[in-house]
PDB file of N, CA and C in Angstrom:
ATOM      1  N   MET A   1       4.332   2.236  16.914  1.00  0.00           N
ATOM      2  CA  MET A   1       4.511   1.216  15.891  1.00  0.00           C
ATOM      3  C   MET A   1       5.322   1.832  14.750  1.00  0.00           C
ATOM      4  N   SER A   2       6.312   1.105  14.264  1.00  0.00           N
ATOM      5  CA  SER A   2       7.195   1.597  13.208  1.00  0.00           C
ATOM      6  C   SER A   2       6.611   1.318  11.819  1.00  0.00           C
ATOM      7  N   VAL A   3       7.255   1.900  10.806  1.00  0.00           N
ATOM      8  CA  VAL A   3       6.820   1.685   9.417  1.00  0.00           C
ATOM      9  C   VAL A   3       6.846   0.197   9.088  1.00  0.00           C
ATOM     10  N   HIS A   4       7.923  -0.493   9.449  1.00  0.00           N
ATOM     11  CA  HIS A   4       7.984  -1.913   9.076  1.00  0.00           C
ATOM     12  C   HIS A   4       6.936  -2.730   9.823  1.00  0.00           C
ATOM     13  N   GLN A   5       6.598  -2.346  11.043  1.00  0.00           N
ATOM     14  CA  GLN A   5       5.545  -3.054  11.760  1.00  0.00           C
ATOM     15  C   GLN A   5       4.181  -2.808  11.111  1.00  0.00           C
ATOM     16  N   ARG A   6       3.936  -1.568  10.677  1.00  0.00           N
ATOM     17  CA  ARG A   6       2.674  -1.276   9.987  1.00  0.00           C
ATOM     18  C   ARG A   6       2.626  -1.997   8.645  1.00  0.00           C
ATOM     19  N   PHE A   7       3.773  -2.074   7.955  1.00  0.00           N
ATOM     20  CA  PHE A   7       3.822  -2.789   6.677  1.00  0.00           C
ATOM     21  C   PHE A   7       3.485  -4.267   6.879  1.00  0.00           C
ATOM     22  N   LYS A   8       4.037  -4.868   7.920  1.00  0.00           N
ATOM     23  CA  LYS A   8       3.717  -6.269   8.211  1.00  0.00           C
ATOM     24  C   LYS A   8       2.237  -6.433   8.559  1.00  0.00           C
ATOM     25  N   GLU A   9       1.671  -5.452   9.235  1.00  0.00           N
ATOM     26  CA  GLU A   9       0.235  -5.492   9.550  1.00  0.00           C
ATOM     27  C   GLU A   9      -0.596  -5.460   8.270  1.00  0.00           C
ATOM     28  N   ILE A  10      -0.168  -4.633   7.302  1.00  0.00           N
ATOM     29  CA  ILE A  10      -0.854  -4.586   6.005  1.00  0.00           C
ATOM     30  C   ILE A  10      -0.793  -5.961   5.341  1.00  0.00           C
ATOM     31  N   MET A  11       0.390  -6.548   5.313  1.00  0.00           N
ATOM     32  CA  MET A  11       0.542  -7.873   4.701  1.00  0.00           C
ATOM     33  C   MET A  11      -0.368  -8.893   5.381  1.00  0.00           C
ATOM     34  N   PHE A  12      -0.428  -8.848   6.701  1.00  0.00           N
ATOM     35  CA  PHE A  12      -1.285  -9.759   7.452  1.00  0.00           C
ATOM     36  C   PHE A  12      -2.752  -9.542   7.101  1.00  0.00           C
ATOM     37  N   ARG A  13      -3.193  -8.279   7.126  1.00  0.00           N
ATOM     38  CA  ARG A  13      -4.604  -7.972   6.857  1.00  0.00           C
ATOM     39  C   ARG A  13      -5.004  -8.335   5.430  1.00  0.00           C
ATOM     40  N   LEU A  14      -4.068  -8.187   4.479  1.00  0.00           N
ATOM     41  CA  LEU A  14      -4.362  -8.515   3.082  1.00  0.00           C
ATOM     42  C   LEU A  14      -4.116  -9.994   2.780  1.00  0.00           C
ATOM     43  N   GLU A  15      -3.618 -10.713   3.776  1.00  0.00           N
ATOM     44  CA  GLU A  15      -3.290 -12.136   3.614  1.00  0.00           C
ATOM     45  C   GLU A  15      -2.329 -12.345   2.449  1.00  0.00           C
ATOM     46  N   GLU A  16      -1.261 -11.520   2.441  1.00  0.00           N
ATOM     47  CA  GLU A  16      -0.239 -11.584   1.396  1.00  0.00           C
ATOM     48  C   GLU A  16       1.104 -11.926   2.027  1.00  0.00           C
ATOM     49  N   ASN A  17       1.911 -12.717   1.318  1.00  0.00           N
ATOM     50  CA  ASN A  17       3.291 -12.930   1.735  1.00  0.00           C
ATOM     51  C   ASN A  17       4.191 -12.068   0.851  1.00  0.00           C
ATOM     52  N   GLY A  18       5.500 -12.117   1.080  1.00  0.00           N
ATOM     53  CA  GLY A  18       6.413 -11.269   0.324  1.00  0.00           C
ATOM     54  C   GLY A  18       6.331 -11.488  -1.174  1.00  0.00           C
ATOM     55  N   ALA A  19       6.252 -12.742  -1.579  1.00  0.00           N
ATOM     56  CA  ALA A  19       6.212 -13.063  -3.010  1.00  0.00           C
ATOM     57  C   ALA A  19       4.908 -12.595  -3.654  1.00  0.00           C
ATOM     58  N   SER A  20       3.787 -12.871  -3.010  1.00  0.00           N
ATOM     59  CA  SER A  20       2.499 -12.509  -3.614  1.00  0.00           C
ATOM     60  C   SER A  20       2.298 -10.998  -3.639  1.00  0.00           C
ATOM     61  N   LEU A  21       2.723 -10.303  -2.578  1.00  0.00           N
ATOM     62  CA  LEU A  21       2.596  -8.849  -2.570  1.00  0.00           C
ATOM     63  C   LEU A  21       3.538  -8.230  -3.595  1.00  0.00           C
ATOM     64  N   GLY A  22       4.726  -8.787  -3.729  1.00  0.00           N
ATOM     65  CA  GLY A  22       5.662  -8.316  -4.748  1.00  0.00           C
ATOM     66  C   GLY A  22       5.079  -8.434  -6.146  1.00  0.00           C
ATOM     67  N   ARG A  23       4.432  -9.573  -6.438  1.00  0.00           N
ATOM     68  CA  ARG A  23       3.785  -9.751  -7.747  1.00  0.00           C
ATOM     69  C   ARG A  23       2.668  -8.736  -7.933  1.00  0.00           C
ATOM     70  N   GLU A  24       1.872  -8.537  -6.898  1.00  0.00           N
ATOM     71  CA  GLU A  24       0.741  -7.606  -6.960  1.00  0.00           C
ATOM     72  C   GLU A  24       1.212  -6.179  -7.258  1.00  0.00           C
ATOM     73  N   LEU A  25       2.347  -5.794  -6.660  1.00  0.00           N
ATOM     74  CA  LEU A  25       2.850  -4.424  -6.799  1.00  0.00           C
ATOM     75  C   LEU A  25       3.908  -4.292  -7.885  1.00  0.00           C
ATOM     76  N   ASP A  26       4.261  -5.389  -8.536  1.00  0.00           N
ATOM     77  CA  ASP A  26       5.270  -5.423  -9.598  1.00  0.00           C
ATOM     78  C   ASP A  26       6.645  -4.996  -9.085  1.00  0.00           C
ATOM     79  N   VAL A  27       7.005  -5.523  -7.916  1.00  0.00           N
ATOM     80  CA  VAL A  27       8.336  -5.319  -7.348  1.00  0.00           C
ATOM     81  C   VAL A  27       8.845  -6.681  -6.864  1.00  0.00           C
ATOM     82  N   SER A  28      10.111  -6.743  -6.533  1.00  0.00           N
ATOM     83  CA  SER A  28      10.689  -8.018  -6.117  1.00  0.00           C
ATOM     84  C   SER A  28      10.252  -8.411  -4.704  1.00  0.00           C
ATOM     85  N   LYS A  29      10.285  -9.703  -4.465  1.00  0.00           N
ATOM     86  CA  LYS A  29      10.024 -10.232  -3.130  1.00  0.00           C
ATOM     87  C   LYS A  29      11.040  -9.650  -2.149  1.00  0.00           C
ATOM     88  N   THR A  30      12.275  -9.498  -2.601  1.00  0.00           N
ATOM     89  CA  THR A  30      13.332  -8.947  -1.756  1.00  0.00           C
ATOM     90  C   THR A  30      12.994  -7.533  -1.301  1.00  0.00           C
ATOM     91  N   ALA A  31      12.473  -6.709  -2.207  1.00  0.00           N
ATOM     92  CA  ALA A  31      12.092  -5.332  -1.848  1.00  0.00           C
ATOM     93  C   ALA A  31      11.020  -5.333  -0.771  1.00  0.00           C
ATOM     94  N   ILE A  32      10.048  -6.217  -0.897  1.00  0.00           N
ATOM     95  CA  ILE A  32       8.973  -6.327   0.086  1.00  0.00           C
ATOM     96  C   ILE A  32       9.528  -6.776   1.437  1.00  0.00           C
ATOM     97  N   LEU A  33      10.389  -7.786   1.425  1.00  0.00           N
ATOM     98  CA  LEU A  33      10.923  -8.316   2.671  1.00  0.00           C
ATOM     99  C   LEU A  33      11.846  -7.319   3.369  1.00  0.00           C
ATOM    100  N   LYS A  34      12.575  -6.503   2.606  1.00  0.00           N
ATOM    101  CA  LYS A  34      13.421  -5.475   3.225  1.00  0.00           C
ATOM    102  C   LYS A  34      12.571  -4.464   3.996  1.00  0.00           C
ATOM    103  N   ILE A  35      11.414  -4.129   3.469  1.00  0.00           N
ATOM    104  CA  ILE A  35      10.519  -3.204   4.174  1.00  0.00           C
ATOM    105  C   ILE A  35       9.949  -3.891   5.411  1.00  0.00           C
ATOM    106  N   ALA A  36       9.496  -5.119   5.238  1.00  0.00           N
ATOM    107  CA  ALA A  36       8.912  -5.860   6.357  1.00  0.00           C
ATOM    108  C   ALA A  36       9.926  -6.109   7.476  1.00  0.00           C
ATOM    109  N   ASN A  37      11.192  -6.249   7.109  1.00  0.00           N
ATOM    110  CA  ASN A  37      12.236  -6.491   8.113  1.00  0.00           C
ATOM    111  C   ASN A  37      12.811  -5.215   8.686  1.00  0.00           C
ATOM    112  N   GLY A  38      12.443  -4.072   8.135  1.00  0.00           N
ATOM    113  CA  GLY A  38      12.914  -2.799   8.660  1.00  0.00           C
ATOM    114  C   GLY A  38      14.266  -2.363   8.143  1.00  0.00           C
ATOM    115  N   THR A  39      14.764  -2.998   7.089  1.00  0.00           N
ATOM    116  CA  THR A  39      16.061  -2.602   6.542  1.00  0.00           C
ATOM    117  C   THR A  39      15.954  -1.533   5.465  1.00  0.00           C
ATOM    118  N   SER A  40      14.741  -1.256   4.989  1.00  0.00           N
ATOM    119  CA  SER A  40      14.531  -0.141   4.065  1.00  0.00           C
ATOM    120  C   SER A  40      13.118   0.396   4.242  1.00  0.00           C
ATOM    121  N   LEU A  41      12.910   1.577   3.715  1.00  0.00           N
ATOM    122  CA  LEU A  41      11.584   2.204   3.731  1.00  0.00           C
ATOM    123  C   LEU A  41      10.933   2.032   2.370  1.00  0.00           C
ATOM    124  N   PRO A  42       9.617   2.040   2.299  1.00  0.00           N
ATOM    125  CA  PRO A  42       8.953   1.884   1.004  1.00  0.00           C
ATOM    126  C   PRO A  42       9.182   3.099   0.111  1.00  0.00           C
ATOM    127  N   SER A  43       9.479   2.829  -1.146  1.00  0.00           N
ATOM    128  CA  SER A  43       9.664   3.889  -2.139  1.00  0.00           C
ATOM    129  C   SER A  43       8.323   4.211  -2.790  1.00  0.00           C
ATOM    130  N   SER A  44       8.333   5.231  -3.626  1.00  0.00           N
ATOM    131  CA  SER A  44       7.109   5.588  -4.351  1.00  0.00           C
ATOM    132  C   SER A  44       6.667   4.456  -5.267  1.00  0.00           C
ATOM    133  N   LYS A  45       7.611   3.637  -5.734  1.00  0.00           N
ATOM    134  CA  LYS A  45       7.271   2.495  -6.592  1.00  0.00           C
ATOM    135  C   LYS A  45       6.396   1.492  -5.841  1.00  0.00           C
ATOM    136  N   ILE A  46       6.483   1.501  -4.527  1.00  0.00           N
ATOM    137  CA  ILE A  46       5.654   0.621  -3.697  1.00  0.00           C
ATOM    138  C   ILE A  46       4.459   1.370  -3.124  1.00  0.00           C
ATOM    139  N   LEU A  47       4.679   2.598  -2.669  1.00  0.00           N
ATOM    140  CA  LEU A  47       3.599   3.366  -2.033  1.00  0.00           C
ATOM    141  C   LEU A  47       2.432   3.643  -2.982  1.00  0.00           C
ATOM    142  N   ILE A  48       2.741   4.031  -4.209  1.00  0.00           N
ATOM    143  CA  ILE A  48       1.665   4.387  -5.150  1.00  0.00           C
ATOM    144  C   ILE A  48       0.775   3.185  -5.464  1.00  0.00           C
ATOM    145  N   PRO A  49       1.342   2.029  -5.873  1.00  0.00           N
ATOM    146  CA  PRO A  49       0.447   0.892  -6.116  1.00  0.00           C
ATOM    147  C   PRO A  49      -0.251   0.362  -4.866  1.00  0.00           C
ATOM    148  N   LEU A  50       0.386   0.525  -3.703  1.00  0.00           N
ATOM    149  CA  LEU A  50      -0.310   0.124  -2.467  1.00  0.00           C
ATOM    150  C   LEU A  50      -1.619   0.889  -2.333  1.00  0.00           C
ATOM    151  N   GLY A  51      -1.584   2.172  -2.635  1.00  0.00           N
ATOM    152  CA  GLY A  51      -2.791   2.982  -2.557  1.00  0.00           C
ATOM    153  C   GLY A  51      -3.753   2.709  -3.696  1.00  0.00           C
ATOM    154  N   GLU A  52      -3.224   2.698  -4.927  1.00  0.00           N
ATOM    155  CA  GLU A  52      -4.092   2.554  -6.097  1.00  0.00           C
ATOM    156  C   GLU A  52      -4.701   1.166  -6.236  1.00  0.00           C
ATOM    157  N   LYS A  53      -3.908   0.137  -6.016  1.00  0.00           N
ATOM    158  CA  LYS A  53      -4.383  -1.238  -6.228  1.00  0.00           C
ATOM    159  C   LYS A  53      -5.007  -1.858  -4.985  1.00  0.00           C
ATOM    160  N   LEU A  54      -4.466  -1.493  -3.806  1.00  0.00           N
ATOM    161  CA  LEU A  54      -4.885  -2.185  -2.590  1.00  0.00           C
ATOM    162  C   LEU A  54      -5.588  -1.282  -1.590  1.00  0.00           C
ATOM    163  N   GLY A  55      -5.672   0.012  -1.886  1.00  0.00           N
ATOM    164  CA  GLY A  55      -6.404   0.932  -1.024  1.00  0.00           C
ATOM    165  C   GLY A  55      -5.718   1.255   0.289  1.00  0.00           C
ATOM    166  N   VAL A  56      -4.387   1.079   0.363  1.00  0.00           N
ATOM    167  CA  VAL A  56      -3.636   1.346   1.592  1.00  0.00           C
ATOM    168  C   VAL A  56      -3.288   2.834   1.668  1.00  0.00           C
ATOM    169  N   SER A  57      -3.478   3.414   2.821  1.00  0.00           N
ATOM    170  CA  SER A  57      -3.167   4.818   3.049  1.00  0.00           C
ATOM    171  C   SER A  57      -1.672   5.000   3.304  1.00  0.00           C
ATOM    172  N   ALA A  58      -1.004   5.796   2.458  1.00  0.00           N
ATOM    173  CA  ALA A  58       0.414   6.101   2.660  1.00  0.00           C
ATOM    174  C   ALA A  58       0.605   6.902   3.944  1.00  0.00           C
ATOM    175  N   ASP A  59      -0.352   7.758   4.275  1.00  0.00           N
ATOM    176  CA  ASP A  59      -0.269   8.524   5.528  1.00  0.00           C
ATOM    177  C   ASP A  59      -0.224   7.600   6.729  1.00  0.00           C
ATOM    178  N   TRP A  60      -1.059   6.578   6.711  1.00  0.00           N
ATOM    179  CA  TRP A  60      -1.069   5.636   7.827  1.00  0.00           C
ATOM    180  C   TRP A  60       0.239   4.844   7.859  1.00  0.00           C
ATOM    181  N   LEU A  61       0.662   4.340   6.705  1.00  0.00           N
ATOM    182  CA  LEU A  61       1.861   3.517   6.662  1.00  0.00           C
ATOM    183  C   LEU A  61       3.097   4.297   7.120  1.00  0.00           C
ATOM    184  N   LEU A  62       3.275   5.502   6.602  1.00  0.00           N
ATOM    185  CA  LEU A  62       4.491   6.252   6.901  1.00  0.00           C
ATOM    186  C   LEU A  62       4.445   7.007   8.222  1.00  0.00           C
ATOM    187  N   PHE A  63       3.275   7.565   8.556  1.00  0.00           N
ATOM    188  CA  PHE A  63       3.197   8.491   9.694  1.00  0.00           C
ATOM    189  C   PHE A  63       2.217   8.072  10.791  1.00  0.00           C
ATOM    190  N   ASN A  64       1.521   6.947  10.585  1.00  0.00           N
ATOM    191  CA  ASN A  64       0.507   6.474  11.525  1.00  0.00           C
ATOM    192  C   ASN A  64      -0.603   7.515  11.722  1.00  0.00           C
ATOM    193  N   VAL A  65      -1.004   8.125  10.607  1.00  0.00           N
ATOM    194  CA  VAL A  65      -2.062   9.129  10.616  1.00  0.00           C
ATOM    195  C   VAL A  65      -3.266   8.571   9.853  1.00  0.00           C
ATOM    196  N   GLY A  66      -4.439   8.671  10.431  1.00  0.00           N
ATOM    197  CA  GLY A  66      -5.649   8.196   9.762  1.00  0.00           C
ATOM    198  C   GLY A  66      -5.811   6.695   9.917  1.00  0.00           C
ATOM    199  N   THR A  67      -6.461   6.095   8.917  1.00  0.00           N
ATOM    200  CA  THR A  67      -6.749   4.661   8.952  1.00  0.00           C
ATOM    201  C   THR A  67      -5.872   3.917   7.952  1.00  0.00           C
ATOM    202  N   MET A  68      -5.755   2.628   8.164  1.00  0.00           N
ATOM    203  CA  MET A  68      -4.913   1.794   7.306  1.00  0.00           C
ATOM    204  C   MET A  68      -5.382   1.813   5.855  1.00  0.00           C
ATOM    205  N   PHE A  69      -6.683   1.739   5.661  1.00  0.00           N
ATOM    206  CA  PHE A  69      -7.223   1.639   4.309  1.00  0.00           C
ATOM    207  C   PHE A  69      -8.024   2.884   3.945  1.00  0.00           C
ATOM    208  N   LEU A  70      -7.817   3.332   2.717  1.00  0.00           N
ATOM    209  CA  LEU A  70      -8.491   4.533   2.234  1.00  0.00           C
ATOM    210  C   LEU A  70      -9.999   4.355   2.190  1.00  0.00           C
ATOM    211  N   ASN A  71     -10.449   3.169   1.834  1.00  0.00           N
ATOM    212  CA  ASN A  71     -11.881   2.900   1.715  1.00  0.00           C
ATOM    213  C   ASN A  71     -12.471   2.301   2.983  1.00  0.00           C
ATOM    214  N   GLY A  72     -11.640   2.136   4.006  1.00  0.00           N
ATOM    215  CA  GLY A  72     -12.110   1.587   5.260  1.00  0.00           C
ATOM    216  C   GLY A  72     -12.321   0.083   5.259  1.00  0.00           C
ATOM    217  N   GLU A  73     -12.141  -0.559   4.120  1.00  0.00           N
ATOM    218  CA  GLU A  73     -12.446  -1.977   4.015  1.00  0.00           C
ATOM    219  C   GLU A  73     -11.212  -2.863   3.927  1.00  0.00           C
ATOM    220  N   GLY A  74     -10.205  -2.442   3.179  1.00  0.00           N
ATOM    221  CA  GLY A  74      -9.017  -3.266   3.021  1.00  0.00           C
ATOM    222  C   GLY A  74      -9.160  -4.347   1.976  1.00  0.00           C
ATOM    223  N   PHE A  75      -9.761  -4.021   0.867  1.00  0.00           N
ATOM    224  CA  PHE A  75      -9.821  -4.979  -0.217  1.00  0.00           C
ATOM    225  C   PHE A  75      -9.230  -4.352  -1.460  1.00  0.00           C
ATOM    226  N   LYS A  76      -8.883  -5.201  -2.398  1.00  0.00           N
ATOM    227  CA  LYS A  76      -8.247  -4.732  -3.616  1.00  0.00           C
ATOM    228  C   LYS A  76      -9.227  -3.900  -4.424  1.00  0.00           C
ATOM    229  N   THR A  77      -8.726  -2.771  -4.920  1.00  0.00           N
ATOM    230  CA  THR A  77      -9.559  -1.869  -5.689  1.00  0.00           C
ATOM    231  C   THR A  77      -8.956  -1.658  -7.055  1.00  0.00           C
ATOM    232  N   SER A  78      -9.744  -1.184  -7.968  1.00  0.00           N
ATOM    233  CA  SER A  78      -9.247  -0.821  -9.287  1.00  0.00           C
ATOM    234  C   SER A  78      -9.677   0.600  -9.586  1.00  0.00           C
ATOM    235  N   THR A  79      -8.706   1.412  -9.960  1.00  0.00           N
ATOM    236  CA  THR A  79      -9.022   2.791 -10.315  1.00  0.00           C
ATOM    237  C   THR A  79      -8.849   3.024 -11.802  1.00  0.00           C
ATOM    238  N   ALA A  80      -8.628   1.949 -12.555  1.00  0.00           N
ATOM    239  CA  ALA A  80      -8.336   2.088 -13.979  1.00  0.00           C
ATOM    240  C   ALA A  80      -9.452   2.779 -14.750  1.00  0.00           C
ATOM    241  N   ASN A  81     -10.697   2.561 -14.365  1.00  0.00           N
ATOM    242  CA  ASN A  81     -11.819   3.132 -15.096  1.00  0.00           C
ATOM    243  C   ASN A  81     -12.477   4.296 -14.361  1.00  0.00           C
ATOM    244  N   THR A  82     -11.821   4.785 -13.325  1.00  0.00           N
ATOM    245  CA  THR A  82     -12.374   5.906 -12.567  1.00  0.00           C
ATOM    246  C   THR A  82     -12.030   7.200 -13.283  1.00  0.00           C
ATOM    247  N   PRO A  83     -13.045   7.999 -13.662  1.00  0.00           N
ATOM    248  CA  PRO A  83     -12.737   9.256 -14.362  1.00  0.00           C
ATOM    249  C   PRO A  83     -12.080  10.263 -13.406  1.00  0.00           C
ATOM    250  N   LEU A  84     -11.184  11.043 -13.941  1.00  0.00           N
ATOM    251  CA  LEU A  84     -10.563  12.097 -13.158  1.00  0.00           C
ATOM    252  C   LEU A  84     -11.554  13.230 -12.965  1.00  0.00           C
ATOM    253  N   PRO A  85     -11.493  13.911 -11.835  1.00  0.00           N
ATOM    254  CA  PRO A  85     -12.398  15.040 -11.643  1.00  0.00           C
ATOM    255  C   PRO A  85     -12.073  16.152 -12.632  1.00  0.00           C
ATOM    256  N   SER A  86     -13.097  16.822 -13.092  1.00  0.00           N
ATOM    257  CA  SER A  86     -12.864  17.898 -14.051  1.00  0.00           C
ATOM    258  C   SER A  86     -12.444  19.147 -13.322  1.00  0.00           C
ATOM    259  N   LYS A  87     -11.738  20.006 -14.026  1.00  0.00           N
ATOM    260  CA  LYS A  87     -11.298  21.269 -13.433  1.00  0.00           C
ATOM    261  C   LYS A  87     -12.501  22.184 -13.257  1.00  0.00           C
ATOM    262  N   GLY A  88     -12.493  22.949 -12.190  1.00  0.00           N
ATOM    263  CA  GLY A  88     -13.581  23.886 -11.937  1.00  0.00           C
ATOM    264  C   GLY A  88     -14.850  23.228 -11.464  1.00  0.00           C
ATOM    265  N   GLY A  89     -14.778  21.938 -11.127  1.00  0.00           N
ATOM    266  CA  GLY A  89     -15.952  21.242 -10.601  1.00  0.00           C
ATOM    267  C   GLY A  89     -17.049  21.007 -11.616  1.00  0.00           C
ATOM    268  N   LYS A  90     -16.724  21.083 -12.907  1.00  0.00           N
ATOM    269  CA  LYS A  90     -17.744  20.868 -13.956  1.00  0.00           C
ATOM    270  C   LYS A  90     -17.894  19.413 -14.267  1.00  0.00           C
TER     271      LYS A  90
END
């Protein structure tokens, strides 16, 4: 399965179309559709919010390694209030 096929699978599983996913990730519908059609690869501007906002694994999307969703569920997540781990495990 190619990157664009996995991207379309993500859109299907999240029940998002190009316009709605573009709004969610703050990118254009055109950028989303180019990835879904296989004419471009996702940039960091798309990969980072896919992981942070939607819990999508970049490893799975790009390399087909691991599972599609980081949390195993595939629902929208918020990391805005998640504290960063402290240095030294304190």
